[in-house]
Amino acid sequence: SRLKKKKQKKSAVKKDFEKQLIQLDKFE
């Protein structure tokens, strides 16, 4: 079923947050 582990979930959330910061920096 490809369920993500707890560490993978935290890593995915962190990567998504970093992508949002990069987009915010470009927009500014």
mmCIF file of all heavy atoms, coordinates in Angstrom:
data_MODEL
# 
_entry.id   MODEL 
# 
loop_
_atom_site.group_PDB 
_atom_site.id 
_atom_site.type_symbol 
_atom_site.label_atom_id 
_atom_site.label_alt_id 
_atom_site.label_comp_id 
_atom_site.label_asym_id 
_atom_site.label_entity_id 
_atom_site.label_seq_id 
_atom_site.pdbx_PDB_ins_code 
_atom_site.Cartn_x 
_atom_site.Cartn_y 
_atom_site.Cartn_z 
_atom_site.occupancy 
_atom_site.B_iso_or_equiv 
_atom_site.pdbx_formal_charge 
_atom_site.auth_seq_id 
_atom_site.auth_comp_id 
_atom_site.auth_asym_id 
_atom_site.auth_atom_id 
_atom_site.pdbx_PDB_model_num 
ATOM 1   N N   . SER A 1 1  ? 0.816  -1.222 0.000  1.00 0.00 ? 1  SER A N   1 
ATOM 2   C CA  . SER A 1 1  ? 0.000  0.000  0.000  1.00 0.00 ? 1  SER A CA  1 
ATOM 3   C C   . SER A 1 1  ? 0.845  1.266  0.000  1.00 0.00 ? 1  SER A C   1 
ATOM 4   O O   . SER A 1 1  ? 0.312  2.369  -0.137 1.00 0.00 ? 1  SER A O   1 
ATOM 5   C CB  . SER A 1 1  ? -0.919 0.006  1.220  1.00 0.00 ? 1  SER A CB  1 
ATOM 6   O OG  . SER A 1 1  ? -0.136 -0.052 2.406  1.00 0.00 ? 1  SER A OG  1 
ATOM 7   N N   . ARG A 1 2  ? 2.187  1.146  0.171  1.00 0.00 ? 2  ARG A N   1 
ATOM 8   C CA  . ARG A 1 2  ? 3.125  2.258  0.162  1.00 0.00 ? 2  ARG A CA  1 
ATOM 9   C C   . ARG A 1 2  ? 2.790  3.320  1.213  1.00 0.00 ? 2  ARG A C   1 
ATOM 10  O O   . ARG A 1 2  ? 2.814  4.519  0.944  1.00 0.00 ? 2  ARG A O   1 
ATOM 11  C CB  . ARG A 1 2  ? 3.166  2.916  -1.221 1.00 0.00 ? 2  ARG A CB  1 
ATOM 12  C CG  . ARG A 1 2  ? 3.694  2.007  -2.313 1.00 0.00 ? 2  ARG A CG  1 
ATOM 13  C CD  . ARG A 1 2  ? 3.782  2.732  -3.628 1.00 0.00 ? 2  ARG A CD  1 
ATOM 14  N NE  . ARG A 1 2  ? 4.304  1.868  -4.668 1.00 0.00 ? 2  ARG A NE  1 
ATOM 15  C CZ  . ARG A 1 2  ? 4.474  2.252  -5.946 1.00 0.00 ? 2  ARG A CZ  1 
ATOM 16  N NH1 . ARG A 1 2  ? 4.149  3.485  -6.302 1.00 0.00 ? 2  ARG A NH1 1 
ATOM 17  N NH2 . ARG A 1 2  ? 4.962  1.412  -6.822 1.00 0.00 ? 2  ARG A NH2 1 
ATOM 18  N N   . LEU A 1 3  ? 2.412  2.885  2.396  1.00 0.00 ? 3  LEU A N   1 
ATOM 19  C CA  . LEU A 1 3  ? 2.180  3.827  3.492  1.00 0.00 ? 3  LEU A CA  1 
ATOM 20  C C   . LEU A 1 3  ? 3.514  4.389  3.967  1.00 0.00 ? 3  LEU A C   1 
ATOM 21  O O   . LEU A 1 3  ? 4.497  3.661  4.089  1.00 0.00 ? 3  LEU A O   1 
ATOM 22  C CB  . LEU A 1 3  ? 1.464  3.116  4.649  1.00 0.00 ? 3  LEU A CB  1 
ATOM 23  C CG  . LEU A 1 3  ? 0.038  2.639  4.353  1.00 0.00 ? 3  LEU A CG  1 
ATOM 24  C CD1 . LEU A 1 3  ? -0.506 1.875  5.545  1.00 0.00 ? 3  LEU A CD1 1 
ATOM 25  C CD2 . LEU A 1 3  ? -0.863 3.821  4.035  1.00 0.00 ? 3  LEU A CD2 1 
ATOM 26  N N   . LYS A 1 4  ? 3.532  5.677  4.239  1.00 0.00 ? 4  LYS A N   1 
ATOM 27  C CA  . LYS A 1 4  ? 4.774  6.343  4.654  1.00 0.00 ? 4  LYS A CA  1 
ATOM 28  C C   . LYS A 1 4  ? 4.993  6.169  6.145  1.00 0.00 ? 4  LYS A C   1 
ATOM 29  O O   . LYS A 1 4  ? 4.043  6.168  6.942  1.00 0.00 ? 4  LYS A O   1 
ATOM 30  C CB  . LYS A 1 4  ? 4.711  7.831  4.325  1.00 0.00 ? 4  LYS A CB  1 
ATOM 31  C CG  . LYS A 1 4  ? 4.689  8.118  2.833  1.00 0.00 ? 4  LYS A CG  1 
ATOM 32  C CD  . LYS A 1 4  ? 4.679  9.609  2.574  1.00 0.00 ? 4  LYS A CD  1 
ATOM 33  C CE  . LYS A 1 4  ? 4.670  9.888  1.071  1.00 0.00 ? 4  LYS A CE  1 
ATOM 34  N NZ  . LYS A 1 4  ? 4.639  11.342 0.782  1.00 0.00 ? 4  LYS A NZ  1 
ATOM 35  N N   . LYS A 1 5  ? 6.264  6.057  6.496  1.00 0.00 ? 5  LYS A N   1 
ATOM 36  C CA  . LYS A 1 5  ? 6.620  5.978  7.906  1.00 0.00 ? 5  LYS A CA  1 
ATOM 37  C C   . LYS A 1 5  ? 6.578  7.369  8.528  1.00 0.00 ? 5  LYS A C   1 
ATOM 38  O O   . LYS A 1 5  ? 6.455  8.378  7.835  1.00 0.00 ? 5  LYS A O   1 
ATOM 39  C CB  . LYS A 1 5  ? 8.007  5.376  8.057  1.00 0.00 ? 5  LYS A CB  1 
ATOM 40  C CG  . LYS A 1 5  ? 8.102  3.945  7.539  1.00 0.00 ? 5  LYS A CG  1 
ATOM 41  C CD  . LYS A 1 5  ? 9.512  3.408  7.708  1.00 0.00 ? 5  LYS A CD  1 
ATOM 42  C CE  . LYS A 1 5  ? 9.621  1.988  7.161  1.00 0.00 ? 5  LYS A CE  1 
ATOM 43  N NZ  . LYS A 1 5  ? 11.012 1.454  7.282  1.00 0.00 ? 5  LYS A NZ  1 
ATOM 44  N N   . LYS A 1 6  ? 6.740  7.429  9.848  1.00 0.00 ? 6  LYS A N   1 
ATOM 45  C CA  . LYS A 1 6  ? 6.670  8.700  10.565 1.00 0.00 ? 6  LYS A CA  1 
ATOM 46  C C   . LYS A 1 6  ? 7.811  9.619  10.144 1.00 0.00 ? 6  LYS A C   1 
ATOM 47  O O   . LYS A 1 6  ? 7.628  10.843 9.956  1.00 0.00 ? 6  LYS A O   1 
ATOM 48  C CB  . LYS A 1 6  ? 6.731  8.431  12.058 1.00 0.00 ? 6  LYS A CB  1 
ATOM 49  C CG  . LYS A 1 6  ? 6.539  9.671  12.903 1.00 0.00 ? 6  LYS A CG  1 
ATOM 50  C CD  . LYS A 1 6  ? 6.542  9.315  14.381 1.00 0.00 ? 6  LYS A CD  1 
ATOM 51  C CE  . LYS A 1 6  ? 6.342  10.586 15.223 1.00 0.00 ? 6  LYS A CE  1 
ATOM 52  N NZ  . LYS A 1 6  ? 6.349  10.275 16.671 1.00 0.00 ? 6  LYS A NZ  1 
ATOM 53  N N   . LYS A 1 7  ? 9.019  9.062  9.955  1.00 0.00 ? 7  LYS A N   1 
ATOM 54  C CA  . LYS A 1 7  ? 10.178 9.859  9.546  1.00 0.00 ? 7  LYS A CA  1 
ATOM 55  C C   . LYS A 1 7  ? 9.992  10.394 8.131  1.00 0.00 ? 7  LYS A C   1 
ATOM 56  O O   . LYS A 1 7  ? 10.359 11.534 7.824  1.00 0.00 ? 7  LYS A O   1 
ATOM 57  C CB  . LYS A 1 7  ? 11.437 9.000  9.632  1.00 0.00 ? 7  LYS A CB  1 
ATOM 58  C CG  . LYS A 1 7  ? 12.722 9.761  9.439  1.00 0.00 ? 7  LYS A CG  1 
ATOM 59  C CD  . LYS A 1 7  ? 13.925 8.857  9.662  1.00 0.00 ? 7  LYS A CD  1 
ATOM 60  C CE  . LYS A 1 7  ? 15.215 9.646  9.488  1.00 0.00 ? 7  LYS A CE  1 
ATOM 61  N NZ  . LYS A 1 7  ? 16.409 8.778  9.693  1.00 0.00 ? 7  LYS A NZ  1 
ATOM 62  N N   . GLN A 1 8  ? 9.413  9.582  7.250  1.00 0.00 ? 8  GLN A N   1 
ATOM 63  C CA  . GLN A 1 8  ? 9.166  10.014 5.874  1.00 0.00 ? 8  GLN A CA  1 
ATOM 64  C C   . GLN A 1 8  ? 8.123  11.125 5.823  1.00 0.00 ? 8  GLN A C   1 
ATOM 65  O O   . GLN A 1 8  ? 8.224  12.053 5.018  1.00 0.00 ? 8  GLN A O   1 
ATOM 66  C CB  . GLN A 1 8  ? 8.724  8.822  5.027  1.00 0.00 ? 8  GLN A CB  1 
ATOM 67  C CG  . GLN A 1 8  ? 9.809  7.789  4.786  1.00 0.00 ? 8  GLN A CG  1 
ATOM 68  C CD  . GLN A 1 8  ? 9.290  6.588  4.028  1.00 0.00 ? 8  GLN A CD  1 
ATOM 69  O OE1 . GLN A 1 8  ? 8.096  6.288  4.060  1.00 0.00 ? 8  GLN A OE1 1 
ATOM 70  N NE2 . GLN A 1 8  ? 10.193 5.880  3.352  1.00 0.00 ? 8  GLN A NE2 1 
ATOM 71  N N   . LYS A 1 9  ? 7.120  11.033 6.691  1.00 0.00 ? 9  LYS A N   1 
ATOM 72  C CA  . LYS A 1 9  ? 6.105  12.079 6.746  1.00 0.00 ? 9  LYS A CA  1 
ATOM 73  C C   . LYS A 1 9  ? 6.710  13.410 7.202  1.00 0.00 ? 9  LYS A C   1 
ATOM 74  O O   . LYS A 1 9  ? 6.414  14.465 6.637  1.00 0.00 ? 9  LYS A O   1 
ATOM 75  C CB  . LYS A 1 9  ? 4.984  11.668 7.701  1.00 0.00 ? 9  LYS A CB  1 
ATOM 76  C CG  . LYS A 1 9  ? 4.100  10.554 7.180  1.00 0.00 ? 9  LYS A CG  1 
ATOM 77  C CD  . LYS A 1 9  ? 3.003  10.221 8.169  1.00 0.00 ? 9  LYS A CD  1 
ATOM 78  C CE  . LYS A 1 9  ? 2.110  9.105  7.650  1.00 0.00 ? 9  LYS A CE  1 
ATOM 79  N NZ  . LYS A 1 9  ? 1.045  8.774  8.616  1.00 0.00 ? 9  LYS A NZ  1 
ATOM 80  N N   . LYS A 1 10 ? 7.559  13.370 8.227  1.00 0.00 ? 10 LYS A N   1 
ATOM 81  C CA  . LYS A 1 10 ? 8.204  14.596 8.703  1.00 0.00 ? 10 LYS A CA  1 
ATOM 82  C C   . LYS A 1 10 ? 9.103  15.185 7.624  1.00 0.00 ? 10 LYS A C   1 
ATOM 83  O O   . LYS A 1 10 ? 9.149  16.411 7.434  1.00 0.00 ? 10 LYS A O   1 
ATOM 84  C CB  . LYS A 1 10 ? 9.021  14.295 9.961  1.00 0.00 ? 10 LYS A CB  1 
ATOM 85  C CG  . LYS A 1 10 ? 8.187  14.064 11.203 1.00 0.00 ? 10 LYS A CG  1 
ATOM 86  C CD  . LYS A 1 10 ? 9.056  13.822 12.422 1.00 0.00 ? 10 LYS A CD  1 
ATOM 87  C CE  . LYS A 1 10 ? 9.806  15.071 12.817 1.00 0.00 ? 10 LYS A CE  1 
ATOM 88  N NZ  . LYS A 1 10 ? 10.595 14.878 14.049 1.00 0.00 ? 10 LYS A NZ  1 
ATOM 89  N N   . SER A 1 11 ? 9.826  14.315 6.901  1.00 0.00 ? 11 SER A N   1 
ATOM 90  C CA  . SER A 1 11 ? 10.703 14.791 5.839  1.00 0.00 ? 11 SER A CA  1 
ATOM 91  C C   . SER A 1 11 ? 9.897  15.437 4.700  1.00 0.00 ? 11 SER A C   1 
ATOM 92  O O   . SER A 1 11 ? 10.297 16.465 4.142  1.00 0.00 ? 11 SER A O   1 
ATOM 93  C CB  . SER A 1 11 ? 11.535 13.629 5.293  1.00 0.00 ? 11 SER A CB  1 
ATOM 94  O OG  . SER A 1 11 ? 12.355 14.045 4.222  1.00 0.00 ? 11 SER A OG  1 
ATOM 95  N N   . ALA A 1 12 ? 8.751  14.840 4.378  1.00 0.00 ? 12 ALA A N   1 
ATOM 96  C CA  . ALA A 1 12 ? 7.905  15.388 3.310  1.00 0.00 ? 12 ALA A CA  1 
ATOM 97  C C   . ALA A 1 12 ? 7.334  16.744 3.703  1.00 0.00 ? 12 ALA A C   1 
ATOM 98  O O   . ALA A 1 12 ? 7.267  17.667 2.875  1.00 0.00 ? 12 ALA A O   1 
ATOM 99  C CB  . ALA A 1 12 ? 6.785  14.410 2.986  1.00 0.00 ? 12 ALA A CB  1 
ATOM 100 N N   . VAL A 1 13 ? 6.933  16.881 4.964  1.00 0.00 ? 13 VAL A N   1 
ATOM 101 C CA  . VAL A 1 13 ? 6.402  18.167 5.454  1.00 0.00 ? 13 VAL A CA  1 
ATOM 102 C C   . VAL A 1 13 ? 7.487  19.237 5.413  1.00 0.00 ? 13 VAL A C   1 
ATOM 103 O O   . VAL A 1 13 ? 7.241  20.389 5.019  1.00 0.00 ? 13 VAL A O   1 
ATOM 104 C CB  . VAL A 1 13 ? 5.845  18.003 6.881  1.00 0.00 ? 13 VAL A CB  1 
ATOM 105 C CG1 . VAL A 1 13 ? 5.498  19.362 7.487  1.00 0.00 ? 13 VAL A CG1 1 
ATOM 106 C CG2 . VAL A 1 13 ? 4.611  17.124 6.866  1.00 0.00 ? 13 VAL A CG2 1 
ATOM 107 N N   . LYS A 1 14 ? 8.705  18.867 5.802  1.00 0.00 ? 14 LYS A N   1 
ATOM 108 C CA  . LYS A 1 14 ? 9.818  19.826 5.797  1.00 0.00 ? 14 LYS A CA  1 
ATOM 109 C C   . LYS A 1 14 ? 10.151 20.275 4.370  1.00 0.00 ? 14 LYS A C   1 
ATOM 110 O O   . LYS A 1 14 ? 10.381 21.466 4.118  1.00 0.00 ? 14 LYS A O   1 
ATOM 111 C CB  . LYS A 1 14 ? 11.042 19.191 6.448  1.00 0.00 ? 14 LYS A CB  1 
ATOM 112 C CG  . LYS A 1 14 ? 12.219 20.143 6.588  1.00 0.00 ? 14 LYS A CG  1 
ATOM 113 C CD  . LYS A 1 14 ? 13.405 19.462 7.247  1.00 0.00 ? 14 LYS A CD  1 
ATOM 114 C CE  . LYS A 1 14 ? 14.584 20.426 7.329  1.00 0.00 ? 14 LYS A CE  1 
ATOM 115 N NZ  . LYS A 1 14 ? 15.779 19.756 7.920  1.00 0.00 ? 14 LYS A NZ  1 
ATOM 116 N N   . LYS A 1 15 ? 10.204 19.329 3.430  1.00 0.00 ? 15 LYS A N   1 
ATOM 117 C CA  . LYS A 1 15 ? 10.496 19.675 2.038  1.00 0.00 ? 15 LYS A CA  1 
ATOM 118 C C   . LYS A 1 15 ? 9.427  20.589 1.454  1.00 0.00 ? 15 LYS A C   1 
ATOM 119 O O   . LYS A 1 15 ? 9.724  21.541 0.722  1.00 0.00 ? 15 LYS A O   1 
ATOM 120 C CB  . LYS A 1 15 ? 10.622 18.408 1.193  1.00 0.00 ? 15 LYS A CB  1 
ATOM 121 C CG  . LYS A 1 15 ? 11.901 17.631 1.435  1.00 0.00 ? 15 LYS A CG  1 
ATOM 122 C CD  . LYS A 1 15 ? 11.966 16.404 0.544  1.00 0.00 ? 15 LYS A CD  1 
ATOM 123 C CE  . LYS A 1 15 ? 13.265 15.620 0.779  1.00 0.00 ? 15 LYS A CE  1 
ATOM 124 N NZ  . LYS A 1 15 ? 13.323 14.406 -0.064 1.00 0.00 ? 15 LYS A NZ  1 
ATOM 125 N N   . ASP A 1 16 ? 8.175  20.301 1.786  1.00 0.00 ? 16 ASP A N   1 
ATOM 126 C CA  . ASP A 1 16 ? 7.077  21.135 1.294  1.00 0.00 ? 16 ASP A CA  1 
ATOM 127 C C   . ASP A 1 16 ? 7.177  22.557 1.870  1.00 0.00 ? 16 ASP A C   1 
ATOM 128 O O   . ASP A 1 16 ? 6.943  23.546 1.150  1.00 0.00 ? 16 ASP A O   1 
ATOM 129 C CB  . ASP A 1 16 ? 5.744  20.497 1.671  1.00 0.00 ? 16 ASP A CB  1 
ATOM 130 C CG  . ASP A 1 16 ? 4.567  21.277 1.106  1.00 0.00 ? 16 ASP A CG  1 
ATOM 131 O OD1 . ASP A 1 16 ? 4.482  21.389 -0.127 1.00 0.00 ? 16 ASP A OD1 1 
ATOM 132 O OD2 . ASP A 1 16 ? 3.767  21.801 1.901  1.00 0.00 ? 16 ASP A OD2 1 
ATOM 133 N N   . PHE A 1 17 ? 7.551  22.666 3.138  1.00 0.00 ? 17 PHE A N   1 
ATOM 134 C CA  . PHE A 1 17 ? 7.708  23.978 3.768  1.00 0.00 ? 17 PHE A CA  1 
ATOM 135 C C   . PHE A 1 17 ? 8.861  24.755 3.125  1.00 0.00 ? 17 PHE A C   1 
ATOM 136 O O   . PHE A 1 17 ? 8.750  25.969 2.880  1.00 0.00 ? 17 PHE A O   1 
ATOM 137 C CB  . PHE A 1 17 ? 7.965  23.790 5.269  1.00 0.00 ? 17 PHE A CB  1 
ATOM 138 C CG  . PHE A 1 17 ? 8.237  25.068 6.005  1.00 0.00 ? 17 PHE A CG  1 
ATOM 139 C CD1 . PHE A 1 17 ? 7.240  26.007 6.194  1.00 0.00 ? 17 PHE A CD1 1 
ATOM 140 C CD2 . PHE A 1 17 ? 9.512  25.337 6.505  1.00 0.00 ? 17 PHE A CD2 1 
ATOM 141 C CE1 . PHE A 1 17 ? 7.492  27.186 6.873  1.00 0.00 ? 17 PHE A CE1 1 
ATOM 142 C CE2 . PHE A 1 17 ? 9.771  26.515 7.179  1.00 0.00 ? 17 PHE A CE2 1 
ATOM 143 C CZ  . PHE A 1 17 ? 8.754  27.439 7.367  1.00 0.00 ? 17 PHE A CZ  1 
ATOM 144 N N   . GLU A 1 18 ? 9.953  24.058 2.826  1.00 0.00 ? 18 GLU A N   1 
ATOM 145 C CA  . GLU A 1 18 ? 11.086 24.718 2.183  1.00 0.00 ? 18 GLU A CA  1 
ATOM 146 C C   . GLU A 1 18 ? 10.734 25.188 0.777  1.00 0.00 ? 18 GLU A C   1 
ATOM 147 O O   . GLU A 1 18 ? 11.154 26.270 0.343  1.00 0.00 ? 18 GLU A O   1 
ATOM 148 C CB  . GLU A 1 18 ? 12.284 23.766 2.144  1.00 0.00 ? 18 GLU A CB  1 
ATOM 149 C CG  . GLU A 1 18 ? 12.901 23.508 3.510  1.00 0.00 ? 18 GLU A CG  1 
ATOM 150 C CD  . GLU A 1 18 ? 14.043 22.509 3.459  1.00 0.00 ? 18 GLU A CD  1 
ATOM 151 O OE1 . GLU A 1 18 ? 14.240 21.914 2.375  1.00 0.00 ? 18 GLU A OE1 1 
ATOM 152 O OE2 . GLU A 1 18 ? 14.727 22.332 4.489  1.00 0.00 ? 18 GLU A OE2 1 
ATOM 153 N N   . LYS A 1 19 ? 9.954  24.396 0.052  1.00 0.00 ? 19 LYS A N   1 
ATOM 154 C CA  . LYS A 1 19 ? 9.519  24.817 -1.282 1.00 0.00 ? 19 LYS A CA  1 
ATOM 155 C C   . LYS A 1 19 ? 8.646  26.061 -1.205 1.00 0.00 ? 19 LYS A C   1 
ATOM 156 O O   . LYS A 1 19 ? 8.748  26.966 -2.046 1.00 0.00 ? 19 LYS A O   1 
ATOM 157 C CB  . LYS A 1 19 ? 8.760  23.678 -1.958 1.00 0.00 ? 19 LYS A CB  1 
ATOM 158 C CG  . LYS A 1 19 ? 9.637  22.514 -2.390 1.00 0.00 ? 19 LYS A CG  1 
ATOM 159 C CD  . LYS A 1 19 ? 8.806  21.434 -3.049 1.00 0.00 ? 19 LYS A CD  1 
ATOM 160 C CE  . LYS A 1 19 ? 9.689  20.255 -3.472 1.00 0.00 ? 19 LYS A CE  1 
ATOM 161 N NZ  . LYS A 1 19 ? 8.868  19.168 -4.087 1.00 0.00 ? 19 LYS A NZ  1 
ATOM 162 N N   . GLN A 1 20 ? 7.789  26.122 -0.195 1.00 0.00 ? 20 GLN A N   1 
ATOM 163 C CA  . GLN A 1 20 ? 6.940  27.306 -0.016 1.00 0.00 ? 20 GLN A CA  1 
ATOM 164 C C   . GLN A 1 20 ? 7.780  28.549 0.284  1.00 0.00 ? 20 GLN A C   1 
ATOM 165 O O   . GLN A 1 20 ? 7.487  29.649 -0.213 1.00 0.00 ? 20 GLN A O   1 
ATOM 166 C CB  . GLN A 1 20 ? 5.931  27.066 1.099  1.00 0.00 ? 20 GLN A CB  1 
ATOM 167 C CG  . GLN A 1 20 ? 4.871  26.030 0.764  1.00 0.00 ? 20 GLN A CG  1 
ATOM 168 C CD  . GLN A 1 20 ? 3.914  25.802 1.912  1.00 0.00 ? 20 GLN A CD  1 
ATOM 169 O OE1 . GLN A 1 20 ? 3.932  26.522 2.909  1.00 0.00 ? 20 GLN A OE1 1 
ATOM 170 N NE2 . GLN A 1 20 ? 3.079  24.785 1.786  1.00 0.00 ? 20 GLN A NE2 1 
ATOM 171 N N   . LEU A 1 21 ? 8.846  28.387 1.084  1.00 0.00 ? 21 LEU A N   1 
ATOM 172 C CA  . LEU A 1 21 ? 9.729  29.521 1.394  1.00 0.00 ? 21 LEU A CA  1 
ATOM 173 C C   . LEU A 1 21 ? 10.466 29.999 0.146  1.00 0.00 ? 21 LEU A C   1 
ATOM 174 O O   . LEU A 1 21 ? 10.642 31.214 -0.052 1.00 0.00 ? 21 LEU A O   1 
ATOM 175 C CB  . LEU A 1 21 ? 10.738 29.131 2.477  1.00 0.00 ? 21 LEU A CB  1 
ATOM 176 C CG  . LEU A 1 21 ? 10.195 28.941 3.892  1.00 0.00 ? 21 LEU A CG  1 
ATOM 177 C CD1 . LEU A 1 21 ? 11.342 28.644 4.850  1.00 0.00 ? 21 LEU A CD1 1 
ATOM 178 C CD2 . LEU A 1 21 ? 9.451  30.179 4.369  1.00 0.00 ? 21 LEU A CD2 1 
ATOM 179 N N   . ILE A 1 22 ? 10.902 29.071 -0.699 1.00 0.00 ? 22 ILE A N   1 
ATOM 180 C CA  . ILE A 1 22 ? 11.590 29.447 -1.946 1.00 0.00 ? 22 ILE A CA  1 
ATOM 181 C C   . ILE A 1 22 ? 10.641 30.230 -2.852 1.00 0.00 ? 22 ILE A C   1 
ATOM 182 O O   . ILE A 1 22 ? 11.023 31.250 -3.447 1.00 0.00 ? 22 ILE A O   1 
ATOM 183 C CB  . ILE A 1 22 ? 12.133 28.191 -2.655 1.00 0.00 ? 22 ILE A CB  1 
ATOM 184 C CG1 . ILE A 1 22 ? 13.263 27.573 -1.832 1.00 0.00 ? 22 ILE A CG1 1 
ATOM 185 C CG2 . ILE A 1 22 ? 12.634 28.538 -4.049 1.00 0.00 ? 22 ILE A CG2 1 
ATOM 186 C CD1 . ILE A 1 22 ? 13.730 26.222 -2.350 1.00 0.00 ? 22 ILE A CD1 1 
ATOM 187 N N   . GLN A 1 23 ? 9.392  29.755 -2.972 1.00 0.00 ? 23 GLN A N   1 
ATOM 188 C CA  . GLN A 1 23 ? 8.412  30.461 -3.790 1.00 0.00 ? 23 GLN A CA  1 
ATOM 189 C C   . GLN A 1 23 ? 8.101  31.839 -3.212 1.00 0.00 ? 23 GLN A C   1 
ATOM 190 O O   . GLN A 1 23 ? 7.939  32.829 -3.960 1.00 0.00 ? 23 GLN A O   1 
ATOM 191 C CB  . GLN A 1 23 ? 7.119  29.633 -3.879 1.00 0.00 ? 23 GLN A CB  1 
ATOM 192 C CG  . GLN A 1 23 ? 7.270  28.335 -4.633 1.00 0.00 ? 23 GLN A CG  1 
ATOM 193 C CD  . GLN A 1 23 ? 7.686  28.544 -6.079 1.00 0.00 ? 23 GLN A CD  1 
ATOM 194 O OE1 . GLN A 1 23 ? 7.256  29.491 -6.737 1.00 0.00 ? 23 GLN A OE1 1 
ATOM 195 N NE2 . GLN A 1 23 ? 8.528  27.645 -6.586 1.00 0.00 ? 23 GLN A NE2 1 
ATOM 196 N N   . LEU A 1 24 ? 8.053  31.937 -1.879 1.00 0.00 ? 24 LEU A N   1 
ATOM 197 C CA  . LEU A 1 24 ? 7.801  33.227 -1.233 1.00 0.00 ? 24 LEU A CA  1 
ATOM 198 C C   . LEU A 1 24 ? 8.957  34.194 -1.476 1.00 0.00 ? 24 LEU A C   1 
ATOM 199 O O   . LEU A 1 24 ? 8.735  35.393 -1.727 1.00 0.00 ? 24 LEU A O   1 
ATOM 200 C CB  . LEU A 1 24 ? 7.596  33.015 0.269  1.00 0.00 ? 24 LEU A CB  1 
ATOM 201 C CG  . LEU A 1 24 ? 7.180  34.244 1.091  1.00 0.00 ? 24 LEU A CG  1 
ATOM 202 C CD1 . LEU A 1 24 ? 5.826  34.760 0.629  1.00 0.00 ? 24 LEU A CD1 1 
ATOM 203 C CD2 . LEU A 1 24 ? 7.153  33.898 2.573  1.00 0.00 ? 24 LEU A CD2 1 
ATOM 204 N N   . ASP A 1 25 ? 10.192 33.689 -1.437 1.00 0.00 ? 25 ASP A N   1 
ATOM 205 C CA  . ASP A 1 25 ? 11.355 34.530 -1.694 1.00 0.00 ? 25 ASP A CA  1 
ATOM 206 C C   . ASP A 1 25 ? 11.360 35.034 -3.142 1.00 0.00 ? 25 ASP A C   1 
ATOM 207 O O   . ASP A 1 25 ? 11.654 36.207 -3.408 1.00 0.00 ? 25 ASP A O   1 
ATOM 208 C CB  . ASP A 1 25 ? 12.626 33.729 -1.408 1.00 0.00 ? 25 ASP A CB  1 
ATOM 209 C CG  . ASP A 1 25 ? 13.882 34.547 -1.610 1.00 0.00 ? 25 ASP A CG  1 
ATOM 210 O OD1 . ASP A 1 25 ? 14.127 35.485 -0.829 1.00 0.00 ? 25 ASP A OD1 1 
ATOM 211 O OD2 . ASP A 1 25 ? 14.639 34.252 -2.562 1.00 0.00 ? 25 ASP A OD2 1 
ATOM 212 N N   . LYS A 1 26 ? 11.011 34.160 -4.093 1.00 0.00 ? 26 LYS A N   1 
ATOM 213 C CA  . LYS A 1 26 ? 10.942 34.568 -5.500 1.00 0.00 ? 26 LYS A CA  1 
ATOM 214 C C   . LYS A 1 26 ? 9.846  35.600 -5.726 1.00 0.00 ? 26 LYS A C   1 
ATOM 215 O O   . LYS A 1 26 ? 10.031 36.576 -6.481 1.00 0.00 ? 26 LYS A O   1 
ATOM 216 C CB  . LYS A 1 26 ? 10.704 33.346 -6.385 1.00 0.00 ? 26 LYS A CB  1 
ATOM 217 C CG  . LYS A 1 26 ? 11.893 32.404 -6.495 1.00 0.00 ? 26 LYS A CG  1 
ATOM 218 C CD  . LYS A 1 26 ? 11.582 31.238 -7.409 1.00 0.00 ? 26 LYS A CD  1 
ATOM 219 C CE  . LYS A 1 26 ? 12.787 30.308 -7.539 1.00 0.00 ? 26 LYS A CE  1 
ATOM 220 N NZ  . LYS A 1 26 ? 12.480 29.134 -8.429 1.00 0.00 ? 26 LYS A NZ  1 
ATOM 221 N N   . PHE A 1 27 ? 8.709  35.408 -5.074 1.00 0.00 ? 27 PHE A N   1 
ATOM 222 C CA  . PHE A 1 27 ? 7.590  36.342 -5.228 1.00 0.00 ? 27 PHE A CA  1 
ATOM 223 C C   . PHE A 1 27 ? 7.951  37.726 -4.675 1.00 0.00 ? 27 PHE A C   1 
ATOM 224 O O   . PHE A 1 27 ? 7.637  38.753 -5.291 1.00 0.00 ? 27 PHE A O   1 
ATOM 225 C CB  . PHE A 1 27 ? 6.361  35.780 -4.514 1.00 0.00 ? 27 PHE A CB  1 
ATOM 226 C CG  . PHE A 1 27 ? 5.138  36.639 -4.660 1.00 0.00 ? 27 PHE A CG  1 
ATOM 227 C CD1 . PHE A 1 27 ? 4.629  36.942 -5.911 1.00 0.00 ? 27 PHE A CD1 1 
ATOM 228 C CD2 . PHE A 1 27 ? 4.498  37.144 -3.536 1.00 0.00 ? 27 PHE A CD2 1 
ATOM 229 C CE1 . PHE A 1 27 ? 3.495  37.731 -6.051 1.00 0.00 ? 27 PHE A CE1 1 
ATOM 230 C CE2 . PHE A 1 27 ? 3.377  37.948 -3.664 1.00 0.00 ? 27 PHE A CE2 1 
ATOM 231 C CZ  . PHE A 1 27 ? 2.869  38.237 -4.928 1.00 0.00 ? 27 PHE A CZ  1 
ATOM 232 N N   . GLU A 1 28 ? 8.660  37.746 -3.528 1.00 0.00 ? 28 GLU A N   1 
ATOM 233 C CA  . GLU A 1 28 ? 9.090  39.030 -2.950 1.00 0.00 ? 28 GLU A CA  1 
ATOM 234 C C   . GLU A 1 28 ? 10.102 39.724 -3.873 1.00 0.00 ? 28 GLU A C   1 
ATOM 235 O O   . GLU A 1 28 ? 10.041 40.948 -4.064 1.00 0.00 ? 28 GLU A O   1 
ATOM 236 C CB  . GLU A 1 28 ? 9.695  38.809 -1.566 1.00 0.00 ? 28 GLU A CB  1 
ATOM 237 C CG  . GLU A 1 28 ? 10.016 40.108 -0.843 1.00 0.00 ? 28 GLU A CG  1 
ATOM 238 C CD  . GLU A 1 28 ? 10.716 39.886 0.479  1.00 0.00 ? 28 GLU A CD  1 
ATOM 239 O OE1 . GLU A 1 28 ? 11.400 38.851 0.612  1.00 0.00 ? 28 GLU A OE1 1 
ATOM 240 O OE2 . GLU A 1 28 ? 10.595 40.734 1.376  1.00 0.00 ? 28 GLU A OE2 1 
# 
